[in-house]
Amino acid sequence: MFLESGQYEKAVQYLIKYIEKNEKKGDKNEIANCYDKIGFIYSNQGKLHESNAVHYYSKALEIRKKRGSKMIIDLIVSHNNMAMIFTKHREPYKAIHHHLKSLEISKLYFKYDRYYEADCYNNIGKIFHGQNHYKQASDYYSKALMIEKSLYGDNHPQIVRTCKTLAVLYKEQREDKMTL
């Protein structure tokens, strides 16, 4: 309710009260979800609030790490949230670290549903692409594409997106070589 009306501070206050209530109940899952929501609120308010986003996303991640296999998807989401905020902060190696953690968890727990694995490869590729590290970006995009083809076949919109991304990468790579 508060988020939709742009009352972010009230939303944060409400979530903090909700956390306190759930601490009494011992509901770690709800507490982590609230920290995640607070992190999301701060991450969408611009640079001034990004350190708050990191703080709350970190708190959610720590709870989820302690809970282990009970919250696997949420653990992947937490690592992706941390990666997103570090990407915004222009701290690519911290972002890659969290994407690699997501990738590790995905490979361990989702051997037969490789959607998350492909997503991690694409995200890491984007970071390398943004730094003009074309070889690494190409490697990660290609890994994602291979998995996506095995998941969706050749004519899925995700395949088209990844192929377009690779085409843009190769075009930029050629242009950079030509300017040297």
N, C-alpha and C. Protein backbone atom coordinates (compact mmCIF):
# COMPACT_ATOMS: atom_id res chain seq x y z
N MET A 1 0.83 -1.19 0.00
CA MET A 1 0.00 0.00 0.00
C MET A 1 0.87 1.26 0.00
N PHE A 2 1.86 1.31 0.92
CA PHE A 2 2.73 2.49 0.99
C PHE A 2 3.62 2.61 -0.24
N LEU A 3 4.07 1.47 -0.76
CA LEU A 3 4.95 1.50 -1.92
C LEU A 3 4.25 2.06 -3.14
N GLU A 4 3.01 1.61 -3.36
CA GLU A 4 2.27 2.06 -4.53
C GLU A 4 2.04 3.56 -4.51
N SER A 5 1.91 4.13 -3.32
CA SER A 5 1.66 5.57 -3.22
C SER A 5 2.94 6.38 -3.08
N GLY A 6 4.10 5.70 -3.17
CA GLY A 6 5.38 6.41 -3.11
C GLY A 6 5.81 6.82 -1.71
N GLN A 7 5.17 6.26 -0.70
CA GLN A 7 5.52 6.59 0.69
C GLN A 7 6.56 5.58 1.19
N TYR A 8 7.77 5.73 0.69
CA TYR A 8 8.82 4.73 0.92
C TYR A 8 9.24 4.65 2.39
N GLU A 9 9.37 5.78 3.04
CA GLU A 9 9.78 5.76 4.45
C GLU A 9 8.73 5.07 5.32
N LYS A 10 7.46 5.32 5.03
CA LYS A 10 6.40 4.64 5.77
C LYS A 10 6.43 3.14 5.51
N ALA A 11 6.72 2.77 4.26
CA ALA A 11 6.81 1.35 3.92
C ALA A 11 7.94 0.70 4.70
N VAL A 12 9.08 1.38 4.79
CA VAL A 12 10.23 0.85 5.54
C VAL A 12 9.86 0.73 7.02
N GLN A 13 9.24 1.75 7.57
CA GLN A 13 8.83 1.71 8.99
C GLN A 13 7.88 0.54 9.24
N TYR A 14 6.92 0.36 8.36
CA TYR A 14 5.97 -0.75 8.50
C TYR A 14 6.71 -2.09 8.45
N LEU A 15 7.63 -2.24 7.51
CA LEU A 15 8.37 -3.49 7.39
C LEU A 15 9.25 -3.75 8.61
N ILE A 16 9.83 -2.71 9.17
CA ILE A 16 10.66 -2.88 10.37
C ILE A 16 9.79 -3.34 11.54
N LYS A 17 8.60 -2.77 11.67
CA LYS A 17 7.67 -3.23 12.72
C LYS A 17 7.27 -4.69 12.48
N TYR A 18 7.06 -5.03 11.23
CA TYR A 18 6.69 -6.40 10.88
C TYR A 18 7.84 -7.36 11.21
N ILE A 19 9.07 -6.91 10.99
CA ILE A 19 10.25 -7.71 11.35
C ILE A 19 10.26 -7.97 12.85
N GLU A 20 10.05 -6.92 13.62
CA GLU A 20 10.06 -7.06 15.09
C GLU A 20 9.00 -8.06 15.54
N LYS A 21 7.83 -8.00 14.94
CA LYS A 21 6.75 -8.94 15.26
C LYS A 21 7.17 -10.37 14.92
N ASN A 22 7.81 -10.55 13.77
CA ASN A 22 8.22 -11.89 13.35
C ASN A 22 9.44 -12.40 14.12
N GLU A 23 10.25 -11.50 14.66
CA GLU A 23 11.36 -11.94 15.50
C GLU A 23 10.83 -12.62 16.75
N LYS A 24 9.73 -12.11 17.28
CA LYS A 24 9.12 -12.72 18.46
C LYS A 24 8.59 -14.11 18.13
N LYS A 25 8.08 -14.27 16.90
CA LYS A 25 7.56 -15.56 16.46
C LYS A 25 8.68 -16.51 16.03
N GLY A 26 9.82 -15.94 15.70
CA GLY A 26 10.94 -16.76 15.21
C GLY A 26 10.82 -17.13 13.74
N ASP A 27 10.05 -16.36 12.98
CA ASP A 27 9.82 -16.65 11.56
C ASP A 27 10.93 -16.02 10.71
N LYS A 28 12.01 -16.76 10.55
CA LYS A 28 13.20 -16.27 9.83
C LYS A 28 12.89 -16.00 8.35
N ASN A 29 12.03 -16.82 7.77
CA ASN A 29 11.69 -16.63 6.36
C ASN A 29 11.03 -15.27 6.13
N GLU A 30 10.08 -14.92 6.96
CA GLU A 30 9.40 -13.62 6.81
C GLU A 30 10.35 -12.47 7.09
N ILE A 31 11.24 -12.65 8.04
CA ILE A 31 12.21 -11.60 8.35
C ILE A 31 13.11 -11.36 7.14
N ALA A 32 13.62 -12.44 6.56
CA ALA A 32 14.48 -12.31 5.37
C ALA A 32 13.71 -11.65 4.22
N ASN A 33 12.46 -12.03 4.03
CA ASN A 33 11.65 -11.42 2.97
C ASN A 33 11.48 -9.92 3.20
N CYS A 34 11.28 -9.53 4.44
CA CYS A 34 11.13 -8.10 4.76
C CYS A 34 12.43 -7.34 4.50
N TYR A 35 13.55 -7.91 4.92
CA TYR A 35 14.84 -7.27 4.64
C TYR A 35 15.04 -7.11 3.14
N ASP A 36 14.64 -8.13 2.39
CA ASP A 36 14.73 -8.06 0.93
C ASP A 36 13.88 -6.92 0.39
N LYS A 37 12.67 -6.79 0.90
CA LYS A 37 11.78 -5.71 0.44
C LYS A 37 12.35 -4.33 0.78
N ILE A 38 12.92 -4.20 1.97
CA ILE A 38 13.53 -2.92 2.35
C ILE A 38 14.71 -2.63 1.42
N GLY A 39 15.53 -3.65 1.15
CA GLY A 39 16.64 -3.47 0.22
C GLY A 39 16.16 -3.02 -1.14
N PHE A 40 15.06 -3.62 -1.60
CA PHE A 40 14.47 -3.26 -2.88
C PHE A 40 14.02 -1.80 -2.89
N ILE A 41 13.37 -1.39 -1.81
CA ILE A 41 12.91 0.00 -1.71
C ILE A 41 14.09 0.96 -1.83
N TYR A 42 15.14 0.69 -1.07
CA TYR A 42 16.31 1.58 -1.11
C TYR A 42 17.04 1.51 -2.45
N SER A 43 17.09 0.33 -3.06
CA SER A 43 17.82 0.22 -4.33
C SER A 43 17.13 1.00 -5.44
N ASN A 44 15.84 1.21 -5.31
CA ASN A 44 15.09 1.96 -6.32
C ASN A 44 14.99 3.45 -6.04
N GLN A 45 15.66 3.90 -4.98
CA GLN A 45 15.61 5.33 -4.65
C GLN A 45 16.87 6.07 -5.06
N GLY A 46 17.74 5.42 -5.78
CA GLY A 46 18.91 6.11 -6.30
C GLY A 46 20.15 5.96 -5.45
N LYS A 47 21.20 6.61 -5.89
CA LYS A 47 22.54 6.46 -5.31
C LYS A 47 22.59 6.74 -3.81
N LEU A 48 21.87 7.75 -3.36
CA LEU A 48 21.92 8.11 -1.95
C LEU A 48 21.53 6.96 -1.03
N HIS A 49 20.70 6.07 -1.50
CA HIS A 49 20.16 5.00 -0.67
C HIS A 49 20.74 3.62 -0.96
N GLU A 50 21.67 3.55 -1.89
CA GLU A 50 22.19 2.24 -2.29
C GLU A 50 22.96 1.55 -1.17
N SER A 51 23.63 2.30 -0.31
CA SER A 51 24.34 1.65 0.81
C SER A 51 23.34 1.01 1.77
N ASN A 52 22.17 1.64 1.93
CA ASN A 52 21.11 1.02 2.74
C ASN A 52 20.61 -0.26 2.07
N ALA A 53 20.51 -0.23 0.76
CA ALA A 53 20.07 -1.42 0.03
C ALA A 53 21.05 -2.56 0.27
N VAL A 54 22.34 -2.28 0.18
CA VAL A 54 23.36 -3.32 0.42
C VAL A 54 23.20 -3.87 1.83
N HIS A 55 23.00 -2.98 2.79
CA HIS A 55 22.86 -3.39 4.20
C HIS A 55 21.69 -4.37 4.37
N TYR A 56 20.54 -4.03 3.84
CA TYR A 56 19.35 -4.88 4.03
C TYR A 56 19.40 -6.14 3.18
N TYR A 57 19.90 -6.03 1.95
CA TYR A 57 20.07 -7.24 1.14
C TYR A 57 21.04 -8.20 1.83
N SER A 58 22.09 -7.64 2.45
CA SER A 58 23.07 -8.49 3.16
C SER A 58 22.42 -9.21 4.33
N LYS A 59 21.56 -8.51 5.05
CA LYS A 59 20.87 -9.13 6.19
C LYS A 59 19.98 -10.29 5.72
N ALA A 60 19.28 -10.09 4.62
CA ALA A 60 18.43 -11.16 4.06
C ALA A 60 19.31 -12.33 3.64
N LEU A 61 20.42 -12.03 2.99
CA LEU A 61 21.33 -13.08 2.52
C LEU A 61 21.88 -13.89 3.70
N GLU A 62 22.28 -13.24 4.76
CA GLU A 62 22.83 -13.95 5.93
C GLU A 62 21.81 -14.91 6.55
N ILE A 63 20.58 -14.45 6.68
CA ILE A 63 19.53 -15.33 7.21
C ILE A 63 19.34 -16.53 6.30
N ARG A 64 19.30 -16.27 5.01
CA ARG A 64 19.07 -17.35 4.05
C ARG A 64 20.23 -18.34 3.99
N LYS A 65 21.44 -17.85 4.18
CA LYS A 65 22.60 -18.75 4.23
C LYS A 65 22.47 -19.70 5.41
N LYS A 66 22.08 -19.16 6.56
CA LYS A 66 21.94 -19.98 7.77
C LYS A 66 20.82 -21.01 7.63
N ARG A 67 19.80 -20.66 6.86
CA ARG A 67 18.66 -21.57 6.69
C ARG A 67 18.97 -22.67 5.68
N GLY A 68 19.99 -22.45 4.85
CA GLY A 68 20.45 -23.48 3.93
C GLY A 68 19.40 -23.93 2.93
N SER A 69 19.25 -25.23 2.80
CA SER A 69 18.44 -25.80 1.73
C SER A 69 16.95 -25.53 1.89
N LYS A 70 16.54 -24.95 3.00
CA LYS A 70 15.12 -24.66 3.18
C LYS A 70 14.67 -23.48 2.31
N MET A 71 15.62 -22.68 1.85
CA MET A 71 15.27 -21.47 1.11
C MET A 71 16.17 -21.30 -0.12
N ILE A 72 16.35 -22.34 -0.89
CA ILE A 72 17.31 -22.32 -2.00
C ILE A 72 16.99 -21.23 -3.02
N ILE A 73 15.76 -21.16 -3.48
CA ILE A 73 15.41 -20.14 -4.48
C ILE A 73 15.64 -18.76 -3.89
N ASP A 74 15.25 -18.56 -2.64
CA ASP A 74 15.45 -17.26 -2.00
C ASP A 74 16.92 -16.93 -1.84
N LEU A 75 17.75 -17.93 -1.63
CA LEU A 75 19.19 -17.72 -1.52
C LEU A 75 19.76 -17.25 -2.86
N ILE A 76 19.30 -17.87 -3.93
CA ILE A 76 19.70 -17.43 -5.28
C ILE A 76 19.26 -15.99 -5.52
N VAL A 77 18.02 -15.68 -5.15
CA VAL A 77 17.49 -14.33 -5.31
C VAL A 77 18.33 -13.33 -4.51
N SER A 78 18.69 -13.69 -3.28
CA SER A 78 19.52 -12.80 -2.46
C SER A 78 20.86 -12.51 -3.12
N HIS A 79 21.50 -13.54 -3.63
CA HIS A 79 22.78 -13.32 -4.31
C HIS A 79 22.59 -12.46 -5.56
N ASN A 80 21.49 -12.68 -6.28
CA ASN A 80 21.22 -11.85 -7.47
C ASN A 80 20.94 -10.41 -7.08
N ASN A 81 20.24 -10.19 -5.97
CA ASN A 81 19.99 -8.83 -5.50
C ASN A 81 21.30 -8.12 -5.15
N MET A 82 22.18 -8.85 -4.46
CA MET A 82 23.48 -8.27 -4.12
C MET A 82 24.26 -7.95 -5.39
N ALA A 83 24.23 -8.85 -6.35
CA ALA A 83 24.94 -8.62 -7.61
C ALA A 83 24.38 -7.40 -8.32
N MET A 84 23.07 -7.26 -8.32
CA MET A 84 22.43 -6.12 -8.98
C MET A 84 22.89 -4.80 -8.36
N ILE A 85 22.91 -4.75 -7.04
CA ILE A 85 23.28 -3.50 -6.38
C ILE A 85 24.77 -3.20 -6.58
N PHE A 86 25.61 -4.24 -6.59
CA PHE A 86 27.03 -4.01 -6.85
C PHE A 86 27.27 -3.62 -8.31
N THR A 87 26.44 -4.09 -9.21
CA THR A 87 26.53 -3.66 -10.59
C THR A 87 26.19 -2.17 -10.68
N LYS A 88 25.13 -1.76 -9.98
CA LYS A 88 24.77 -0.33 -9.94
C LYS A 88 25.89 0.50 -9.33
N HIS A 89 26.56 -0.03 -8.33
CA HIS A 89 27.66 0.67 -7.65
C HIS A 89 28.92 0.71 -8.49
N ARG A 90 28.88 0.03 -9.62
CA ARG A 90 30.06 -0.11 -10.48
C ARG A 90 31.19 -0.84 -9.75
N GLU A 91 30.78 -1.92 -9.09
CA GLU A 91 31.73 -2.82 -8.44
C GLU A 91 31.56 -4.20 -9.07
N PRO A 92 32.06 -4.34 -10.30
CA PRO A 92 31.77 -5.55 -11.08
C PRO A 92 32.28 -6.84 -10.45
N TYR A 93 33.42 -6.80 -9.78
CA TYR A 93 33.95 -8.05 -9.25
C TYR A 93 33.14 -8.56 -8.06
N LYS A 94 32.58 -7.65 -7.29
CA LYS A 94 31.66 -8.06 -6.23
C LYS A 94 30.37 -8.62 -6.83
N ALA A 95 29.91 -7.97 -7.90
CA ALA A 95 28.71 -8.45 -8.58
C ALA A 95 28.94 -9.85 -9.15
N ILE A 96 30.07 -10.04 -9.80
CA ILE A 96 30.39 -11.35 -10.37
C ILE A 96 30.49 -12.40 -9.27
N HIS A 97 31.08 -12.03 -8.14
CA HIS A 97 31.18 -12.96 -7.01
C HIS A 97 29.79 -13.50 -6.64
N HIS A 98 28.82 -12.62 -6.53
CA HIS A 98 27.46 -13.05 -6.14
C HIS A 98 26.78 -13.84 -7.25
N HIS A 99 27.02 -13.47 -8.51
CA HIS A 99 26.45 -14.28 -9.60
C HIS A 99 27.07 -15.67 -9.61
N LEU A 100 28.36 -15.76 -9.32
CA LEU A 100 29.01 -17.07 -9.28
C LEU A 100 28.47 -17.91 -8.12
N LYS A 101 28.15 -17.27 -7.00
CA LYS A 101 27.52 -17.99 -5.89
C LYS A 101 26.15 -18.52 -6.32
N SER A 102 25.37 -17.69 -7.00
CA SER A 102 24.07 -18.13 -7.53
C SER A 102 24.25 -19.31 -8.47
N LEU A 103 25.26 -19.20 -9.32
CA LEU A 103 25.54 -20.27 -10.28
C LEU A 103 25.89 -21.57 -9.57
N GLU A 104 26.73 -21.47 -8.57
CA GLU A 104 27.13 -22.65 -7.78
C GLU A 104 25.92 -23.33 -7.14
N ILE A 105 25.06 -22.54 -6.55
CA ILE A 105 23.85 -23.07 -5.90
C ILE A 105 22.92 -23.69 -6.94
N SER A 106 22.76 -22.99 -8.07
CA SER A 106 21.89 -23.49 -9.14
C SER A 106 22.36 -24.85 -9.65
N LYS A 107 23.65 -24.97 -9.86
CA LYS A 107 24.20 -26.24 -10.37
C LYS A 107 24.01 -27.36 -9.35
N LEU A 108 24.11 -27.02 -8.08
CA LEU A 108 24.01 -28.02 -7.03
C LEU A 108 22.57 -28.50 -6.83
N TYR A 109 21.63 -27.59 -6.83
CA TYR A 109 20.25 -27.94 -6.47
C TYR A 109 19.29 -28.07 -7.64
N PHE A 110 19.65 -27.54 -8.79
CA PHE A 110 18.73 -27.56 -9.93
C PHE A 110 19.39 -28.20 -11.14
N LYS A 111 19.84 -29.43 -10.97
CA LYS A 111 20.54 -30.14 -12.03
C LYS A 111 19.65 -30.39 -13.25
N TYR A 112 18.36 -30.51 -13.03
CA TYR A 112 17.45 -30.86 -14.11
C TYR A 112 16.67 -29.66 -14.63
N ASP A 113 16.67 -28.57 -13.91
CA ASP A 113 16.04 -27.33 -14.36
C ASP A 113 17.13 -26.27 -14.38
N ARG A 114 17.71 -26.07 -15.53
CA ARG A 114 18.91 -25.24 -15.62
C ARG A 114 18.60 -23.78 -15.94
N TYR A 115 17.35 -23.37 -15.75
CA TYR A 115 16.96 -21.99 -16.02
C TYR A 115 17.84 -21.00 -15.25
N TYR A 116 18.02 -21.24 -13.95
CA TYR A 116 18.79 -20.31 -13.12
C TYR A 116 20.25 -20.26 -13.54
N GLU A 117 20.76 -21.41 -13.94
CA GLU A 117 22.15 -21.49 -14.41
C GLU A 117 22.33 -20.60 -15.65
N ALA A 118 21.42 -20.71 -16.60
CA ALA A 118 21.49 -19.90 -17.81
C ALA A 118 21.38 -18.41 -17.47
N ASP A 119 20.50 -18.09 -16.54
CA ASP A 119 20.32 -16.71 -16.11
C ASP A 119 21.62 -16.16 -15.51
N CYS A 120 22.28 -16.96 -14.68
CA CYS A 120 23.56 -16.54 -14.09
C CYS A 120 24.60 -16.28 -15.17
N TYR A 121 24.70 -17.19 -16.12
CA TYR A 121 25.68 -17.01 -17.21
C TYR A 121 25.39 -15.72 -17.98
N ASN A 122 24.12 -15.46 -18.28
CA ASN A 122 23.76 -14.23 -18.97
C ASN A 122 24.14 -13.00 -18.15
N ASN A 123 23.86 -13.03 -16.86
CA ASN A 123 24.17 -11.88 -16.00
C ASN A 123 25.66 -11.61 -15.91
N ILE A 124 26.45 -12.66 -15.80
CA ILE A 124 27.90 -12.50 -15.75
C ILE A 124 28.39 -11.98 -17.10
N GLY A 125 27.84 -12.51 -18.17
CA GLY A 125 28.19 -12.01 -19.50
C GLY A 125 27.92 -10.52 -19.64
N LYS A 126 26.80 -10.06 -19.11
CA LYS A 126 26.45 -8.63 -19.18
C LYS A 126 27.49 -7.78 -18.46
N ILE A 127 27.96 -8.25 -17.33
CA ILE A 127 28.95 -7.47 -16.57
C ILE A 127 30.25 -7.38 -17.37
N PHE A 128 30.72 -8.50 -17.88
CA PHE A 128 31.95 -8.47 -18.69
C PHE A 128 31.75 -7.63 -19.95
N HIS A 129 30.58 -7.74 -20.55
CA HIS A 129 30.27 -6.96 -21.75
C HIS A 129 30.35 -5.46 -21.42
N GLY A 130 29.77 -5.07 -20.29
CA GLY A 130 29.79 -3.67 -19.88
C GLY A 130 31.20 -3.14 -19.63
N GLN A 131 32.13 -4.03 -19.38
CA GLN A 131 33.52 -3.63 -19.17
C GLN A 131 34.38 -3.79 -20.43
N ASN A 132 33.73 -4.13 -21.53
CA ASN A 132 34.41 -4.39 -22.80
C ASN A 132 35.38 -5.56 -22.73
N HIS A 133 35.10 -6.52 -21.88
CA HIS A 133 35.86 -7.76 -21.82
C HIS A 133 35.10 -8.77 -22.69
N TYR A 134 35.28 -8.60 -24.00
CA TYR A 134 34.46 -9.30 -24.96
C TYR A 134 34.62 -10.81 -24.93
N LYS A 135 35.82 -11.29 -24.77
CA LYS A 135 36.06 -12.73 -24.76
C LYS A 135 35.30 -13.40 -23.62
N GLN A 136 35.45 -12.85 -22.40
CA GLN A 136 34.74 -13.42 -21.25
C GLN A 136 33.23 -13.30 -21.44
N ALA A 137 32.78 -12.15 -21.92
CA ALA A 137 31.34 -11.96 -22.14
C ALA A 137 30.82 -12.99 -23.14
N SER A 138 31.55 -13.17 -24.22
CA SER A 138 31.14 -14.14 -25.24
C SER A 138 31.07 -15.55 -24.66
N ASP A 139 32.06 -15.90 -23.86
CA ASP A 139 32.07 -17.24 -23.24
C ASP A 139 30.83 -17.47 -22.38
N TYR A 140 30.49 -16.49 -21.56
CA TYR A 140 29.33 -16.64 -20.67
C TYR A 140 28.02 -16.60 -21.44
N TYR A 141 27.90 -15.70 -22.41
CA TYR A 141 26.68 -15.67 -23.23
C TYR A 141 26.50 -16.99 -23.98
N SER A 142 27.60 -17.53 -24.48
CA SER A 142 27.53 -18.79 -25.23
C SER A 142 27.09 -19.95 -24.34
N LYS A 143 27.58 -19.97 -23.10
CA LYS A 143 27.14 -21.01 -22.16
C LYS A 143 25.65 -20.88 -21.90
N ALA A 144 25.19 -19.64 -21.71
CA ALA A 144 23.76 -19.41 -21.49
C ALA A 144 22.95 -19.89 -22.70
N LEU A 145 23.42 -19.55 -23.88
CA LEU A 145 22.71 -19.92 -25.10
C LEU A 145 22.60 -21.43 -25.25
N MET A 146 23.67 -22.13 -24.96
CA MET A 146 23.66 -23.59 -25.07
C MET A 146 22.60 -24.20 -24.12
N ILE A 147 22.55 -23.70 -22.90
CA ILE A 147 21.56 -24.19 -21.93
C ILE A 147 20.15 -23.82 -22.37
N GLU A 148 19.98 -22.58 -22.81
CA GLU A 148 18.66 -22.12 -23.24
C GLU A 148 18.14 -22.97 -24.41
N LYS A 149 19.01 -23.31 -25.34
CA LYS A 149 18.58 -24.15 -26.46
C LYS A 149 18.14 -25.53 -25.97
N SER A 150 18.84 -26.05 -24.97
CA SER A 150 18.43 -27.36 -24.44
C SER A 150 17.11 -27.27 -23.66
N LEU A 151 16.84 -26.11 -23.08
CA LEU A 151 15.59 -25.91 -22.33
C LEU A 151 14.40 -25.60 -23.23
N TYR A 152 14.62 -24.74 -24.22
CA TYR A 152 13.50 -24.17 -24.97
C TYR A 152 13.42 -24.56 -26.44
N GLY A 153 14.47 -25.13 -26.98
CA GLY A 153 14.51 -25.35 -28.43
C GLY A 153 15.06 -24.10 -29.11
N ASP A 154 14.99 -24.08 -30.43
CA ASP A 154 15.64 -22.99 -31.19
C ASP A 154 14.79 -21.74 -31.38
N ASN A 155 13.49 -21.81 -31.21
CA ASN A 155 12.63 -20.69 -31.58
C ASN A 155 11.98 -19.98 -30.40
N HIS A 156 12.59 -20.01 -29.28
CA HIS A 156 12.05 -19.35 -28.08
C HIS A 156 12.54 -17.91 -28.02
N PRO A 157 11.71 -16.99 -27.49
CA PRO A 157 12.14 -15.58 -27.38
C PRO A 157 13.45 -15.38 -26.61
N GLN A 158 13.70 -16.22 -25.61
CA GLN A 158 14.96 -16.08 -24.86
C GLN A 158 16.17 -16.38 -25.73
N ILE A 159 16.02 -17.35 -26.63
CA ILE A 159 17.09 -17.68 -27.57
C ILE A 159 17.37 -16.48 -28.47
N VAL A 160 16.30 -15.87 -28.95
CA VAL A 160 16.43 -14.69 -29.82
C VAL A 160 17.15 -13.57 -29.07
N ARG A 161 16.77 -13.33 -27.80
CA ARG A 161 17.41 -12.27 -27.00
C ARG A 161 18.90 -12.53 -26.84
N THR A 162 19.25 -13.76 -26.49
CA THR A 162 20.66 -14.07 -26.27
C THR A 162 21.44 -13.97 -27.58
N CYS A 163 20.86 -14.41 -28.69
CA CYS A 163 21.53 -14.29 -29.99
C CYS A 163 21.73 -12.82 -30.36
N LYS A 164 20.72 -11.99 -30.10
CA LYS A 164 20.85 -10.55 -30.38
C LYS A 164 21.96 -9.94 -29.52
N THR A 165 22.01 -10.36 -28.25
CA THR A 165 23.05 -9.86 -27.35
C THR A 165 24.43 -10.23 -27.87
N LEU A 166 24.58 -11.47 -28.32
CA LEU A 166 25.86 -11.90 -28.89
C LEU A 166 26.19 -11.12 -30.16
N ALA A 167 25.20 -10.84 -30.99
CA ALA A 167 25.43 -10.07 -32.21
C ALA A 167 25.91 -8.66 -31.88
N VAL A 168 25.29 -8.04 -30.89
CA VAL A 168 25.71 -6.70 -30.46
C VAL A 168 27.14 -6.75 -29.92
N LEU A 169 27.43 -7.76 -29.14
CA LEU A 169 28.77 -7.93 -28.59
C LEU A 169 29.81 -8.03 -29.71
N TYR A 170 29.55 -8.88 -30.70
CA TYR A 170 30.50 -9.07 -31.79
C TYR A 170 30.66 -7.79 -32.61
N LYS A 171 29.56 -7.06 -32.80
CA LYS A 171 29.63 -5.78 -33.53
C LYS A 171 30.50 -4.79 -32.75
N GLU A 172 30.28 -4.67 -31.45
CA GLU A 172 31.09 -3.76 -30.62
C GLU A 172 32.55 -4.17 -30.62
N GLN A 173 32.78 -5.47 -30.58
CA GLN A 173 34.15 -5.97 -30.58
C GLN A 173 34.86 -5.59 -31.88
N ARG A 174 34.17 -5.72 -33.02
CA ARG A 174 34.75 -5.33 -34.31
C ARG A 174 35.03 -3.83 -34.34
N GLU A 175 34.07 -3.03 -33.84
CA GLU A 175 34.25 -1.58 -33.84
C GLU A 175 35.44 -1.17 -32.98
N ASP A 176 35.61 -1.81 -31.83
CA ASP A 176 36.75 -1.51 -30.98
C ASP A 176 38.07 -1.86 -31.66
N LYS A 177 38.10 -2.99 -32.36
CA LYS A 177 39.31 -3.39 -33.08
C LYS A 177 39.63 -2.39 -34.18
N MET A 178 38.59 -1.86 -34.83
CA MET A 178 38.79 -0.92 -35.92
C MET A 178 39.31 0.43 -35.42
N THR A 179 38.95 0.82 -34.20
CA THR A 179 39.41 2.10 -33.66
C THR A 179 40.85 2.01 -33.16
N LEU A 180 41.34 0.79 -32.93
CA LEU A 180 42.74 0.63 -32.51
C LEU A 180 43.61 0.85 -33.70
